[in-house]
Amino acid sequence: MQKKEQGIPVVINLASLASYDGVHEDPMQMMTTGILIPQEKSSLLKYTESQEDEVTGEVTESEIQLVMAKDQVTMHRMGEFSNTMLFQRNKRYETTFHTPFGDLPMAVFSRDVWCEVGEQTGKVHLKYELSMQGAYASTNELHLEYWAQ
């Protein structure tokens, strides 16, 4: 096992599903590797997420830092498209989504936040509503599992 200060190499399986007015988009599933850094009252999971633009085929990469604690999850997305989202059950969090085309006001209302975090394995489940520029955009579910390599 690696030292906590350096992080523990992990495999990450991530699945997400978005729906708008009950119509589901195609689910997104990704498997990647990352680093888990256990901390005193939370754990930090770092990984890179790649997304392909359906129209241009261009791939955009974002560095993700997920801070997982008992009652909340904070997601920091860094890259060309960046933001910070705080997930706490039945709470609304307002933020800004930074894009190359300008900044957009954004809000997250968390319906369900659950995580089980350990040094060898862990799971995160989020269900939330997303608003962009003051209007409902989608209902999203994210399921993430990790395990030490």
Protein backbone atom coordinates (compact mmCIF):
# COMPACT_ATOMS: atom_id res chain seq x y z
CA MET A 1 0.00 0.00 0.00
CA GLN A 2 1.24 3.50 -0.89
CA LYS A 3 1.74 6.23 1.67
CA LYS A 4 -1.32 8.42 2.23
CA GLU A 5 0.65 11.59 1.44
CA GLN A 6 1.45 10.31 -2.07
CA GLY A 7 -2.00 8.87 -2.66
CA ILE A 8 -3.29 5.43 -3.41
CA PRO A 9 -3.59 4.47 -7.11
CA VAL A 10 -7.20 3.45 -7.84
CA VAL A 11 -9.35 2.26 -10.74
CA ILE A 12 -12.54 4.31 -11.17
CA ASN A 13 -15.79 3.22 -12.78
CA LEU A 14 -18.12 6.18 -13.39
CA ALA A 15 -21.64 6.10 -14.82
CA SER A 16 -23.96 9.07 -15.22
CA LEU A 17 -27.43 9.57 -16.57
CA ALA A 18 -29.18 12.83 -17.39
CA SER A 19 -32.87 13.32 -18.10
CA TYR A 20 -35.01 16.27 -19.05
CA ASP A 21 -38.77 16.10 -18.48
CA GLY A 22 -38.55 12.32 -18.05
CA VAL A 23 -36.64 11.72 -21.31
CA HIS A 24 -33.27 10.05 -20.66
CA GLU A 25 -30.20 10.96 -22.66
CA ASP A 26 -27.73 8.23 -23.54
CA PRO A 27 -25.95 7.16 -20.35
CA MET A 28 -22.28 8.02 -20.06
CA GLN A 29 -19.90 5.41 -18.71
CA MET A 30 -16.19 5.77 -18.17
CA MET A 31 -13.44 3.70 -16.64
CA THR A 32 -10.19 5.41 -15.72
CA THR A 33 -7.47 5.53 -13.10
CA GLY A 34 -6.87 8.09 -10.40
CA ILE A 35 -5.34 8.83 -7.05
CA LEU A 36 -7.11 8.60 -3.68
CA ILE A 37 -5.75 10.77 -0.89
CA PRO A 38 -7.33 9.91 2.47
CA GLN A 39 -7.61 12.91 4.79
CA GLU A 40 -8.71 13.29 8.41
CA LYS A 41 -12.46 13.89 7.84
CA SER A 42 -12.75 13.31 4.08
CA SER A 43 -11.01 11.73 1.12
CA LEU A 44 -9.82 13.38 -2.07
CA LEU A 45 -10.15 11.51 -5.36
CA LYS A 46 -8.30 12.94 -8.39
CA TYR A 47 -8.79 11.80 -11.98
CA THR A 48 -9.01 13.06 -15.56
CA GLU A 49 -12.32 13.02 -17.42
CA SER A 50 -12.44 13.06 -21.23
CA GLN A 51 -15.54 14.00 -23.22
CA GLU A 52 -16.00 13.94 -26.98
CA ASP A 53 -18.07 16.66 -28.67
CA GLU A 54 -20.82 14.85 -30.60
CA VAL A 55 -20.69 17.37 -33.46
CA THR A 56 -16.98 18.12 -33.93
CA GLY A 57 -15.43 14.95 -32.47
CA GLU A 58 -13.07 17.15 -30.45
CA VAL A 59 -12.04 15.68 -27.10
CA THR A 60 -12.02 17.94 -24.04
CA GLU A 61 -10.20 16.87 -20.89
CA SER A 62 -10.99 18.09 -17.39
CA GLU A 63 -9.11 17.45 -14.19
CA ILE A 64 -11.60 16.37 -11.51
CA GLN A 65 -11.09 16.57 -7.76
CA LEU A 66 -13.83 14.93 -5.72
CA VAL A 67 -13.83 15.68 -1.99
CA MET A 68 -15.91 12.99 -0.31
CA ALA A 69 -17.09 13.47 3.28
CA LYS A 70 -19.83 11.90 5.39
CA ASP A 71 -22.71 14.20 4.43
CA GLN A 72 -21.42 16.01 1.37
CA VAL A 73 -19.45 15.72 -1.84
CA THR A 74 -17.65 18.62 -3.52
CA MET A 75 -16.63 18.34 -7.17
CA HIS A 76 -13.99 20.68 -8.62
CA ARG A 77 -13.72 20.57 -12.42
CA MET A 78 -10.63 22.28 -13.87
CA GLY A 79 -9.91 22.84 -17.54
CA GLU A 80 -11.43 24.67 -20.49
CA PHE A 81 -14.85 24.15 -18.88
CA SER A 82 -14.60 24.54 -15.11
CA ASN A 83 -16.77 24.85 -12.02
CA THR A 84 -17.22 23.76 -8.42
CA MET A 85 -20.36 21.94 -7.28
CA LEU A 86 -21.32 21.17 -3.69
CA PHE A 87 -23.73 18.29 -3.09
CA GLN A 88 -25.63 18.12 0.21
CA ARG A 89 -28.98 16.32 0.46
CA ASN A 90 -31.98 18.63 -0.02
CA LYS A 91 -29.78 21.73 -0.36
CA ARG A 92 -29.27 24.15 -3.25
CA TYR A 93 -25.80 25.38 -4.24
CA GLU A 94 -25.29 28.28 -6.64
CA THR A 95 -22.10 28.53 -8.66
CA THR A 96 -20.70 29.67 -12.01
CA PHE A 97 -19.89 27.44 -14.98
CA HIS A 98 -16.81 28.87 -16.72
CA THR A 99 -16.61 28.19 -20.48
CA PRO A 100 -14.43 29.53 -23.31
CA PHE A 101 -17.58 31.37 -24.49
CA GLY A 102 -18.28 33.09 -21.17
CA ASP A 103 -19.52 32.39 -17.67
CA LEU A 104 -22.98 30.96 -16.97
CA PRO A 105 -24.82 31.06 -13.64
CA MET A 106 -25.59 27.54 -12.49
CA ALA A 107 -27.34 25.91 -9.52
CA VAL A 108 -27.43 22.37 -8.15
CA PHE A 109 -30.22 21.01 -5.95
CA SER A 110 -29.18 17.67 -4.45
CA ARG A 111 -31.92 15.07 -3.99
CA ASP A 112 -29.68 12.22 -2.84
CA VAL A 113 -26.06 12.22 -1.67
CA TRP A 114 -24.50 9.01 -0.47
CA CYS A 115 -20.91 7.87 -0.18
CA GLU A 116 -19.04 4.99 1.37
CA VAL A 117 -15.34 5.86 1.42
CA GLY A 118 -12.48 3.55 2.29
CA GLU A 119 -8.80 3.26 1.41
CA GLN A 120 -9.28 0.11 -0.68
CA THR A 121 -12.79 0.61 -2.11
CA GLY A 122 -15.46 3.25 -2.19
CA LYS A 123 -18.75 4.32 -3.77
CA VAL A 124 -20.47 7.64 -4.40
CA HIS A 125 -24.08 8.15 -5.52
CA LEU A 126 -25.48 11.58 -6.40
CA LYS A 127 -28.91 12.54 -7.71
CA TYR A 128 -29.43 16.21 -8.41
CA GLU A 129 -31.28 18.78 -10.44
CA LEU A 130 -29.26 21.20 -12.52
CA SER A 131 -30.31 24.74 -13.47
CA MET A 132 -28.47 26.90 -15.98
CA GLN A 133 -29.08 30.65 -16.19
CA GLY A 134 -32.02 30.32 -13.80
CA ALA A 135 -33.87 27.64 -15.82
CA TYR A 136 -34.19 23.92 -15.10
CA ALA A 137 -31.72 22.04 -17.31
CA SER A 138 -31.82 18.38 -16.24
CA THR A 139 -32.03 15.77 -13.52
CA ASN A 140 -28.76 13.87 -13.18
CA GLU A 141 -27.54 10.73 -11.48
CA LEU A 142 -23.90 9.90 -10.95
CA HIS A 143 -22.59 6.57 -9.70
CA LEU A 144 -18.87 6.23 -9.02
CA GLU A 145 -16.99 3.24 -7.65
CA TYR A 146 -13.26 2.97 -7.04
CA TRP A 147 -10.89 0.26 -5.87
CA ALA A 148 -7.16 0.17 -5.14
CA GLN A 149 -4.96 -1.18 -7.93
